[in-house]
Full PDB file with SEQRES, HELIX, SHEET, SSBOND, CRYST1, ORIGX, SCALE, CONECT and MASTER records, all heavy atoms in Angstrom:
SEQRES   1 A   35  LEU PRO PHE GLY GLY ILE LYS LYS SER GLY PHE GLY ARG          
SEQRES   2 A   35  GLU LEU SER TYR LEU GLY ILE ARG GLU PHE VAL ASN ILE          
SEQRES   3 A   35  LYS THR ILE TRP ILE GLY LEU VAL ALA                          
HELIX    1 AA1 LYS A    7  SER A    9  5                                   3    
HELIX    2 AA2 SER A   16  ILE A   20  1                                   5    
CRYST1    1.000    1.000    1.000  90.00  90.00  90.00 P 1           1          
ORIGX1      1.000000  0.000000  0.000000        0.00000                         
ORIGX2      0.000000  1.000000  0.000000        0.00000                         
ORIGX3      0.000000  0.000000  1.000000        0.00000                         
SCALE1      1.000000  0.000000  0.000000        0.00000                         
SCALE2      0.000000  1.000000  0.000000        0.00000                         
SCALE3      0.000000  0.000000  1.000000        0.00000                         
ATOM      1  N   LEU A   1     175.821  59.477  92.177  1.00  0.00           N  
ATOM      2  CA  LEU A   1     174.488  58.968  92.505  1.00  0.00           C  
ATOM      3  C   LEU A   1     174.415  57.462  92.279  1.00  0.00           C  
ATOM      4  O   LEU A   1     174.970  56.955  91.303  1.00  0.00           O  
ATOM      5  CB  LEU A   1     173.431  59.655  91.632  1.00  0.00           C  
ATOM      6  CG  LEU A   1     173.331  61.178  91.760  1.00  0.00           C  
ATOM      7  CD1 LEU A   1     172.407  61.734  90.694  1.00  0.00           C  
ATOM      8  CD2 LEU A   1     172.849  61.570  93.148  1.00  0.00           C  
ATOM      9  N   PRO A   2     173.709  56.728  93.156  1.00  0.00           N  
ATOM     10  CA  PRO A   2     173.585  55.279  92.946  1.00  0.00           C  
ATOM     11  C   PRO A   2     172.794  54.976  91.687  1.00  0.00           C  
ATOM     12  O   PRO A   2     171.849  55.686  91.345  1.00  0.00           O  
ATOM     13  CB  PRO A   2     172.864  54.794  94.205  1.00  0.00           C  
ATOM     14  CG  PRO A   2     172.173  55.996  94.749  1.00  0.00           C  
ATOM     15  CD  PRO A   2     173.024  57.170  94.383  1.00  0.00           C  
ATOM     16  N   PHE A   3     173.172  53.901  91.017  1.00  0.00           N  
ATOM     17  CA  PHE A   3     172.556  53.541  89.741  1.00  0.00           C  
ATOM     18  C   PHE A   3     172.223  52.058  89.725  1.00  0.00           C  
ATOM     19  O   PHE A   3     173.055  51.217  90.072  1.00  0.00           O  
ATOM     20  CB  PHE A   3     173.505  53.871  88.587  1.00  0.00           C  
ATOM     21  CG  PHE A   3     172.966  53.490  87.246  1.00  0.00           C  
ATOM     22  CD1 PHE A   3     172.009  54.270  86.632  1.00  0.00           C  
ATOM     23  CD2 PHE A   3     173.415  52.354  86.592  1.00  0.00           C  
ATOM     24  CE1 PHE A   3     171.496  53.909  85.383  1.00  0.00           C  
ATOM     25  CE2 PHE A   3     172.912  51.994  85.352  1.00  0.00           C  
ATOM     26  CZ  PHE A   3     171.955  52.775  84.748  1.00  0.00           C  
ATOM     27  N   GLY A   4     171.003  51.733  89.317  1.00  0.00           N  
ATOM     28  CA  GLY A   4     170.580  50.343  89.209  1.00  0.00           C  
ATOM     29  C   GLY A   4     169.068  50.275  89.092  1.00  0.00           C  
ATOM     30  O   GLY A   4     168.384  51.301  89.135  1.00  0.00           O  
ATOM     31  N   GLY A   5     168.546  49.060  88.954  1.00  0.00           N  
ATOM     32  CA  GLY A   5     167.123  48.919  88.713  1.00  0.00           C  
ATOM     33  C   GLY A   5     166.442  47.926  89.626  1.00  0.00           C  
ATOM     34  O   GLY A   5     167.051  47.345  90.533  1.00  0.00           O  
ATOM     35  N   ILE A   6     165.146  47.751  89.379  1.00  0.00           N  
ATOM     36  CA  ILE A   6     164.331  46.763  90.068  1.00  0.00           C  
ATOM     37  C   ILE A   6     163.626  45.914  89.011  1.00  0.00           C  
ATOM     38  O   ILE A   6     163.815  46.109  87.820  1.00  0.00           O  
ATOM     39  CB  ILE A   6     163.297  47.421  91.020  1.00  0.00           C  
ATOM     40  CG1 ILE A   6     162.350  48.351  90.235  1.00  0.00           C  
ATOM     41  CG2 ILE A   6     164.002  48.200  92.122  1.00  0.00           C  
ATOM     42  CD1 ILE A   6     161.198  48.897  91.058  1.00  0.00           C  
ATOM     43  N   LYS A   7     162.838  44.968  89.470  1.00  0.00           N  
ATOM     44  CA  LYS A   7     162.145  44.037  88.574  1.00  0.00           C  
ATOM     45  C   LYS A   7     163.170  43.378  87.640  1.00  0.00           C  
ATOM     46  O   LYS A   7     164.251  43.001  88.085  1.00  0.00           O  
ATOM     47  CB  LYS A   7     160.999  44.746  87.832  1.00  0.00           C  
ATOM     48  CG  LYS A   7     159.946  45.326  88.784  1.00  0.00           C  
ATOM     49  CD  LYS A   7     158.666  45.719  88.101  1.00  0.00           C  
ATOM     50  CE  LYS A   7     158.701  47.041  87.433  1.00  0.00           C  
ATOM     51  NZ  LYS A   7     157.384  47.520  86.949  1.00  0.00           N  
ATOM     52  N   LYS A   8     162.866  43.254  86.371  1.00  0.00           N  
ATOM     53  CA  LYS A   8     163.781  42.571  85.457  1.00  0.00           C  
ATOM     54  C   LYS A   8     164.917  43.467  84.952  1.00  0.00           C  
ATOM     55  O   LYS A   8     165.649  43.082  84.049  1.00  0.00           O  
ATOM     56  CB  LYS A   8     163.009  41.966  84.286  1.00  0.00           C  
ATOM     57  CG  LYS A   8     162.159  40.767  84.704  1.00  0.00           C  
ATOM     58  CD  LYS A   8     161.568  40.046  83.513  1.00  0.00           C  
ATOM     59  CE  LYS A   8     160.810  38.795  83.955  1.00  0.00           C  
ATOM     60  NZ  LYS A   8     160.244  38.049  82.810  1.00  0.00           N  
ATOM     61  N   SER A   9     165.070  44.619  85.575  1.00  0.00           N  
ATOM     62  CA  SER A   9     166.200  45.489  85.254  1.00  0.00           C  
ATOM     63  C   SER A   9     167.401  45.214  86.148  1.00  0.00           C  
ATOM     64  O   SER A   9     168.419  45.893  86.036  1.00  0.00           O  
ATOM     65  CB  SER A   9     165.789  46.961  85.364  1.00  0.00           C  
ATOM     66  OG  SER A   9     164.912  47.316  84.315  1.00  0.00           O  
ATOM     67  N   GLY A  10     167.272  44.218  87.042  1.00  0.00           N  
ATOM     68  CA  GLY A  10     168.429  43.800  87.809  1.00  0.00           C  
ATOM     69  C   GLY A  10     168.329  44.100  89.286  1.00  0.00           C  
ATOM     70  O   GLY A  10     167.283  44.501  89.802  1.00  0.00           O  
ATOM     71  N   PHE A  11     169.467  43.929  89.983  1.00  0.00           N  
ATOM     72  CA  PHE A  11     169.523  44.211  91.419  1.00  0.00           C  
ATOM     73  C   PHE A  11     170.933  44.617  91.807  1.00  0.00           C  
ATOM     74  O   PHE A  11     171.898  44.365  91.088  1.00  0.00           O  
ATOM     75  CB  PHE A  11     169.068  43.005  92.245  1.00  0.00           C  
ATOM     76  CG  PHE A  11     169.701  41.700  91.885  1.00  0.00           C  
ATOM     77  CD1 PHE A  11     171.020  41.411  92.217  1.00  0.00           C  
ATOM     78  CD2 PHE A  11     168.975  40.732  91.199  1.00  0.00           C  
ATOM     79  CE1 PHE A  11     171.594  40.194  91.893  1.00  0.00           C  
ATOM     80  CE2 PHE A  11     169.536  39.500  90.870  1.00  0.00           C  
ATOM     81  CZ  PHE A  11     170.865  39.244  91.216  1.00  0.00           C  
ATOM     82  N   GLY A  12     171.022  45.264  92.968  1.00  0.00           N  
ATOM     83  CA  GLY A  12     172.290  45.836  93.399  1.00  0.00           C  
ATOM     84  C   GLY A  12     172.441  47.238  92.837  1.00  0.00           C  
ATOM     85  O   GLY A  12     171.637  47.698  92.021  1.00  0.00           O  
ATOM     86  N   ARG A  13     173.478  47.945  93.294  1.00  0.00           N  
ATOM     87  CA  ARG A  13     173.710  49.313  92.852  1.00  0.00           C  
ATOM     88  C   ARG A  13     175.165  49.522  92.469  1.00  0.00           C  
ATOM     89  O   ARG A  13     176.071  48.967  93.071  1.00  0.00           O  
ATOM     90  CB  ARG A  13     173.311  50.313  93.952  1.00  0.00           C  
ATOM     91  CG  ARG A  13     171.801  50.398  94.183  1.00  0.00           C  
ATOM     92  CD  ARG A  13     171.090  50.956  92.972  1.00  0.00           C  
ATOM     93  NE  ARG A  13     169.643  51.034  93.124  1.00  0.00           N  
ATOM     94  CZ  ARG A  13     168.786  50.097  92.729  1.00  0.00           C  
ATOM     95  NH1 ARG A  13     169.252  48.976  92.175  1.00  0.00           N  
ATOM     96  NH2 ARG A  13     167.491  50.258  92.881  1.00  0.00           N  
ATOM     97  N   GLU A  14     175.348  50.346  91.451  1.00  0.00           N  
ATOM     98  CA  GLU A  14     176.675  50.794  91.054  1.00  0.00           C  
ATOM     99  C   GLU A  14     176.777  52.282  91.361  1.00  0.00           C  
ATOM    100  O   GLU A  14     175.780  52.962  91.581  1.00  0.00           O  
ATOM    101  CB  GLU A  14     176.902  50.537  89.561  1.00  0.00           C  
ATOM    102  CG  GLU A  14     176.937  49.061  89.187  1.00  0.00           C  
ATOM    103  CD  GLU A  14     177.230  48.850  87.723  1.00  0.00           C  
ATOM    104  OE1 GLU A  14     176.336  49.073  86.895  1.00  0.00           O  
ATOM    105  OE2 GLU A  14     178.367  48.461  87.402  1.00  0.00           O  
ATOM    106  N   LEU A  15     178.009  52.777  91.383  1.00  0.00           N  
ATOM    107  CA  LEU A  15     178.310  54.191  91.579  1.00  0.00           C  
ATOM    108  C   LEU A  15     177.967  54.663  92.998  1.00  0.00           C  
ATOM    109  O   LEU A  15     177.358  53.951  93.772  1.00  0.00           O  
ATOM    110  CB  LEU A  15     177.608  55.051  90.518  1.00  0.00           C  
ATOM    111  CG  LEU A  15     177.966  54.683  89.067  1.00  0.00           C  
ATOM    112  CD1 LEU A  15     177.192  55.549  88.087  1.00  0.00           C  
ATOM    113  CD2 LEU A  15     179.467  54.813  88.815  1.00  0.00           C  
ATOM    114  N   SER A  16     178.390  55.859  93.332  1.00  0.00           N  
ATOM    115  CA  SER A  16     178.270  56.478  94.657  1.00  0.00           C  
ATOM    116  C   SER A  16     178.930  55.601  95.715  1.00  0.00           C  
ATOM    117  O   SER A  16     179.637  54.631  95.393  1.00  0.00           O  
ATOM    118  CB  SER A  16     176.805  56.763  95.000  1.00  0.00           C  
ATOM    119  OG  SER A  16     176.155  55.624  95.542  1.00  0.00           O  
ATOM    120  N   TYR A  17     178.713  55.902  96.972  1.00  0.00           N  
ATOM    121  CA  TYR A  17     179.299  55.082  98.038  1.00  0.00           C  
ATOM    122  C   TYR A  17     178.641  53.712  98.108  1.00  0.00           C  
ATOM    123  O   TYR A  17     179.252  52.732  98.556  1.00  0.00           O  
ATOM    124  CB  TYR A  17     179.187  55.806  99.391  1.00  0.00           C  
ATOM    125  CG  TYR A  17     177.795  55.878  99.952  1.00  0.00           C  
ATOM    126  CD1 TYR A  17     177.326  54.914 100.840  1.00  0.00           C  
ATOM    127  CD2 TYR A  17     176.930  56.916  99.600  1.00  0.00           C  
ATOM    128  CE1 TYR A  17     176.041  54.974 101.359  1.00  0.00           C  
ATOM    129  CE2 TYR A  17     175.657  56.987 100.106  1.00  0.00           C  
ATOM    130  CZ  TYR A  17     175.214  56.023 100.988  1.00  0.00           C  
ATOM    131  OH  TYR A  17     173.937  56.083 101.492  1.00  0.00           O  
ATOM    132  N   LEU A  18     177.400  53.610  97.635  1.00  0.00           N  
ATOM    133  CA  LEU A  18     176.724  52.312  97.636  1.00  0.00           C  
ATOM    134  C   LEU A  18     177.386  51.362  96.649  1.00  0.00           C  
ATOM    135  O   LEU A  18     177.487  50.154  96.901  1.00  0.00           O  
ATOM    136  CB  LEU A  18     175.241  52.492  97.288  1.00  0.00           C  
ATOM    137  CG  LEU A  18     174.404  53.251  98.313  1.00  0.00           C  
ATOM    138  CD1 LEU A  18     173.009  53.508  97.769  1.00  0.00           C  
ATOM    139  CD2 LEU A  18     174.331  52.477  99.618  1.00  0.00           C  
ATOM    140  N   GLY A  19     177.845  51.889  95.518  1.00  0.00           N  
ATOM    141  CA  GLY A  19     178.476  51.047  94.517  1.00  0.00           C  
ATOM    142  C   GLY A  19     179.789  50.454  94.989  1.00  0.00           C  
ATOM    143  O   GLY A  19     180.063  49.269  94.766  1.00  0.00           O  
ATOM    144  N   ILE A  20     180.609  51.246  95.668  1.00  0.00           N  
ATOM    145  CA  ILE A  20     181.908  50.731  96.111  1.00  0.00           C  
ATOM    146  C   ILE A  20     181.735  49.729  97.248  1.00  0.00           C  
ATOM    147  O   ILE A  20     182.603  48.878  97.481  1.00  0.00           O  
ATOM    148  CB  ILE A  20     182.850  51.880  96.524  1.00  0.00           C  
ATOM    149  CG1 ILE A  20     184.311  51.400  96.522  1.00  0.00           C  
ATOM    150  CG2 ILE A  20     182.464  52.476  97.872  1.00  0.00           C  
ATOM    151  CD1 ILE A  20     185.327  52.510  96.691  1.00  0.00           C  
ATOM    152  N   ARG A  21     180.606  49.792  97.950  1.00  0.00           N  
ATOM    153  CA  ARG A  21     180.372  48.868  99.057  1.00  0.00           C  
ATOM    154  C   ARG A  21     179.712  47.552  98.634  1.00  0.00           C  
ATOM    155  O   ARG A  21     179.481  46.680  99.463  1.00  0.00           O  
ATOM    156  CB  ARG A  21     179.520  49.545 100.130  1.00  0.00           C  
ATOM    157  CG  ARG A  21     180.239  50.678 100.843  1.00  0.00           C  
ATOM    158  CD  ARG A  21     179.362  51.328 101.893  1.00  0.00           C  
ATOM    159  NE  ARG A  21     180.048  52.445 102.548  1.00  0.00           N  
ATOM    160  CZ  ARG A  21     179.486  53.214 103.480  1.00  0.00           C  
ATOM    161  NH1 ARG A  21     178.244  52.985 103.865  1.00  0.00           N  
ATOM    162  NH2 ARG A  21     180.167  54.208 104.017  1.00  0.00           N  
ATOM    163  N   GLU A  22     179.392  47.417  97.354  1.00  0.00           N  
ATOM    164  CA  GLU A  22     178.803  46.158  96.884  1.00  0.00           C  
ATOM    165  C   GLU A  22     179.804  45.006  96.951  1.00  0.00           C  
ATOM    166  O   GLU A  22     179.429  43.866  97.228  1.00  0.00           O  
ATOM    167  CB  GLU A  22     178.302  46.307  95.438  1.00  0.00           C  
ATOM    168  CG  GLU A  22     177.015  47.098  95.293  1.00  0.00           C  
ATOM    169  CD  GLU A  22     175.773  46.321  95.696  1.00  0.00           C  
ATOM    170  OE1 GLU A  22     175.891  45.182  96.192  1.00  0.00           O  
ATOM    171  OE2 GLU A  22     174.666  46.861  95.506  1.00  0.00           O  
ATOM    172  N   PHE A  23     181.078  45.288  96.679  1.00  0.00           N  
ATOM    173  CA  PHE A  23     182.079  44.225  96.606  1.00  0.00           C  
ATOM    174  C   PHE A  23     183.140  44.374  97.693  1.00  0.00           C  
ATOM    175  O   PHE A  23     184.333  44.413  97.431  1.00  0.00           O  
ATOM    176  CB  PHE A  23     182.709  44.186  95.221  1.00  0.00           C  
ATOM    177  CG  PHE A  23     181.720  43.830  94.144  1.00  0.00           C  
ATOM    178  CD1 PHE A  23     181.500  44.677  93.079  1.00  0.00           C  
ATOM    179  CD2 PHE A  23     180.991  42.644  94.213  1.00  0.00           C  
ATOM    180  CE1 PHE A  23     180.581  44.350  92.086  1.00  0.00           C  
ATOM    181  CE2 PHE A  23     180.071  42.314  93.234  1.00  0.00           C  
ATOM    182  CZ  PHE A  23     179.858  43.166  92.170  1.00  0.00           C  
ATOM    183  N   VAL A  24     182.660  44.486  98.919  1.00  0.00           N  
ATOM    184  CA  VAL A  24     183.537  44.478 100.092  1.00  0.00           C  
ATOM    185  C   VAL A  24     182.896  43.583 101.156  1.00  0.00           C  
ATOM    186  O   VAL A  24     181.692  43.306 101.120  1.00  0.00           O  
ATOM    187  CB  VAL A  24     183.748  45.898 100.680  1.00  0.00           C  
ATOM    188  CG1 VAL A  24     184.517  46.777  99.714  1.00  0.00           C  
ATOM    189  CG2 VAL A  24     182.424  46.549 101.056  1.00  0.00           C  
ATOM    190  N   ASN A  25     183.707  43.137 102.072  1.00  0.00           N  
ATOM    191  CA  ASN A  25     183.216  42.432 103.246  1.00  0.00           C  
ATOM    192  C   ASN A  25     182.866  43.478 104.289  1.00  0.00           C  
ATOM    193  O   ASN A  25     183.732  44.151 104.842  1.00  0.00           O  
ATOM    194  CB  ASN A  25     184.289  41.482 103.791  1.00  0.00           C  
ATOM    195  CG  ASN A  25     183.847  40.811 105.092  1.00  0.00           C  
ATOM    196  OD1 ASN A  25     182.666  40.758 105.396  1.00  0.00           O  
ATOM    197  ND2 ASN A  25     184.801  40.302 105.846  1.00  0.00           N  
ATOM    198  N   ILE A  26     181.576  43.654 104.539  1.00  0.00           N  
ATOM    199  CA  ILE A  26     181.119  44.607 105.556  1.00  0.00           C  
ATOM    200  C   ILE A  26     181.200  43.883 106.896  1.00  0.00           C  
ATOM    201  O   ILE A  26     180.320  43.109 107.269  1.00  0.00           O  
ATOM    202  CB  ILE A  26     179.696  45.098 105.252  1.00  0.00           C  
ATOM    203  CG1 ILE A  26     179.653  45.729 103.850  1.00  0.00           C  
ATOM    204  CG2 ILE A  26     179.234  46.101 106.307  1.00  0.00           C  
ATOM    205  CD1 ILE A  26     178.271  46.138 103.392  1.00  0.00           C  
ATOM    206  N   LYS A  27     182.292  44.122 107.579  1.00  0.00           N  
ATOM    207  CA  LYS A  27     182.621  43.341 108.769  1.00  0.00           C  
ATOM    208  C   LYS A  27     182.279  44.099 110.053  1.00  0.00           C  
ATOM    209  O   LYS A  27     182.624  45.271 110.214  1.00  0.00           O  
ATOM    210  CB  LYS A  27     184.111  43.001 108.774  1.00  0.00           C  
ATOM    211  CG  LYS A  27     184.556  42.175 109.986  1.00  0.00           C  
ATOM    212  CD  LYS A  27     186.064  41.984 110.002  1.00  0.00           C  
ATOM    213  CE  LYS A  27     186.496  40.981 108.955  1.00  0.00           C  
ATOM    214  NZ  LYS A  27     187.956  40.691 109.029  1.00  0.00           N  
ATOM    215  N   THR A  28     181.608  43.420 110.971  1.00  0.00           N  
ATOM    216  CA  THR A  28     181.340  43.958 112.304  1.00  0.00           C  
ATOM    217  C   THR A  28     182.454  43.527 113.259  1.00  0.00           C  
ATOM    218  O   THR A  28     182.810  42.348 113.313  1.00  0.00           O  
ATOM    219  CB  THR A  28     179.992  43.451 112.847  1.00  0.00           C  
ATOM    220  OG1 THR A  28     178.939  43.958 112.018  1.00  0.00           O  
ATOM    221  CG2 THR A  28     179.772  43.898 114.287  1.00  0.00           C  
ATOM    222  N   ILE A  29     183.002  44.488 113.992  1.00  0.00           N  
ATOM    223  CA  ILE A  29     183.994  44.200 115.034  1.00  0.00           C  
ATOM    224  C   ILE A  29     183.437  44.680 116.368  1.00  0.00           C  
ATOM    225  O   ILE A  29     183.076  45.857 116.511  1.00  0.00           O  
ATOM    226  CB  ILE A  29     185.345  44.874 114.724  1.00  0.00           C  
ATOM    227  CG1 ILE A  29     185.919  44.299 113.413  1.00  0.00           C  
ATOM    228  CG2 ILE A  29     186.332  44.680 115.877  1.00  0.00           C  
ATOM    229  CD1 ILE A  29     187.226  44.925 112.987  1.00  0.00           C  
ATOM    230  N   TRP A  30     183.335  43.758 117.317  1.00  0.00           N  
ATOM    231  CA  TRP A  30     182.754  44.037 118.644  1.00  0.00           C  
ATOM    232  C   TRP A  30     183.832  43.828 119.697  1.00  0.00           C  
ATOM    233  O   TRP A  30     184.508  42.800 119.717  1.00  0.00           O  
ATOM    234  CB  TRP A  30     181.582  43.081 118.883  1.00  0.00           C  
ATOM    235  CG  TRP A  30     180.745  43.329 120.114  1.00  0.00           C  
ATOM    236  CD1 TRP A  30     179.548  43.952 120.179  1.00  0.00           C  
ATOM    237  CD2 TRP A  30     181.014  42.868 121.440  1.00  0.00           C  
ATOM    238  NE1 TRP A  30     179.059  43.952 121.449  1.00  0.00           N  
ATOM    239  CE2 TRP A  30     179.937  43.291 122.261  1.00  0.00           C  
ATOM    240  CE3 TRP A  30     182.067  42.159 122.030  1.00  0.00           C  
ATOM    241  CZ2 TRP A  30     179.879  43.022 123.623  1.00  0.00           C  
ATOM    242  CZ3 TRP A  30     182.019  41.896 123.400  1.00  0.00           C  
ATOM    243  CH2 TRP A  30     180.931  42.323 124.187  1.00  0.00           C  
ATOM    244  N   ILE A  31     184.033  44.819 120.541  1.00  0.00           N  
ATOM    245  CA  ILE A  31     185.101  44.774 121.555  1.00  0.00           C  
ATOM    246  C   ILE A  31     184.491  44.960 122.940  1.00  0.00           C  
ATOM    247  O   ILE A  31     183.803  45.957 123.199  1.00  0.00           O  
ATOM    248  CB  ILE A  31     186.154  45.863 121.301  1.00  0.00           C  
ATOM    249  CG1 ILE A  31     186.724  45.725 119.880  1.00  0.00           C  
ATOM    250  CG2 ILE A  31     187.275  45.790 122.344  1.00  0.00           C  
ATOM    251  CD1 ILE A  31     187.587  46.888 119.454  1.00  0.00           C  
ATOM    252  N   GLY A  32     184.759  43.991 123.819  1.00  0.00           N  
ATOM    253  CA  GLY A  32     184.246  44.082 125.179  1.00  0.00           C  
ATOM    254  C   GLY A  32     185.231  44.791 126.106  1.00  0.00           C  
ATOM    255  O   GLY A  32     186.364  45.086 125.729  1.00  0.00           O  
ATOM    256  N   LEU A  33     184.781  45.043 127.316  1.00  0.00           N  
ATOM    257  CA  LEU A  33     185.634  45.694 128.319  1.00  0.00           C  
ATOM    258  C   LEU A  33     186.759  44.756 128.737  1.00  0.00           C  
ATOM    259  O   LEU A  33     186.592  43.542 128.846  1.00  0.00           O  
ATOM    260  CB  LEU A  33     184.817  46.076 129.551  1.00  0.00           C  
ATOM    261  CG  LEU A  33     183.958  47.353 129.436  1.00  0.00           C  
ATOM    262  CD1 LEU A  33     183.012  47.444 130.620  1.00  0.00           C  
ATOM    263  CD2 LEU A  33     184.847  48.574 129.356  1.00  0.00           C  
ATOM    264  N   VAL A  34     187.921  45.336 128.972  1.00  0.00           N  
ATOM    265  CA  VAL A  34     189.070  44.582 129.449  1.00  0.00           C  
ATOM    266  C   VAL A  34     189.157  44.747 130.966  1.00  0.00           C  
ATOM    267  O   VAL A  34     189.018  45.866 131.484  1.00  0.00           O  
ATOM    268  CB  VAL A  34     190.366  45.075 128.784  1.00  0.00           C  
ATOM    269  CG1 VAL A  34     191.576  44.319 129.346  1.00  0.00           C  
ATOM    270  CG2 VAL A  34     190.276  44.906 127.283  1.00  0.00           C  
ATOM    271  N   ALA A  35     189.354  43.634 131.687  1.00  0.00           N  
ATOM    272  CA  ALA A  35     189.438  43.715 133.150  1.00  0.00           C  
ATOM    273  C   ALA A  35     190.669  44.512 133.552  1.00  0.00           C  
ATOM    274  O   ALA A  35     191.750  44.342 132.989  1.00  0.00           O  
ATOM    275  CB  ALA A  35     189.505  42.321 133.738  1.00  0.00           C  
TER     276      ALA A  35                                                      
MASTER        0    0    0    2    0    0    0    6  275    1    0    3          
END                                                                             
């Protein structure tokens, strides 16, 4: 389960899939049609 707070308890989330995605480059890759 994601873990973290709001207000003066902080920001961001640890644990669950949200936690592992905090410290990655979430990269978009867009590919167009090839002639």
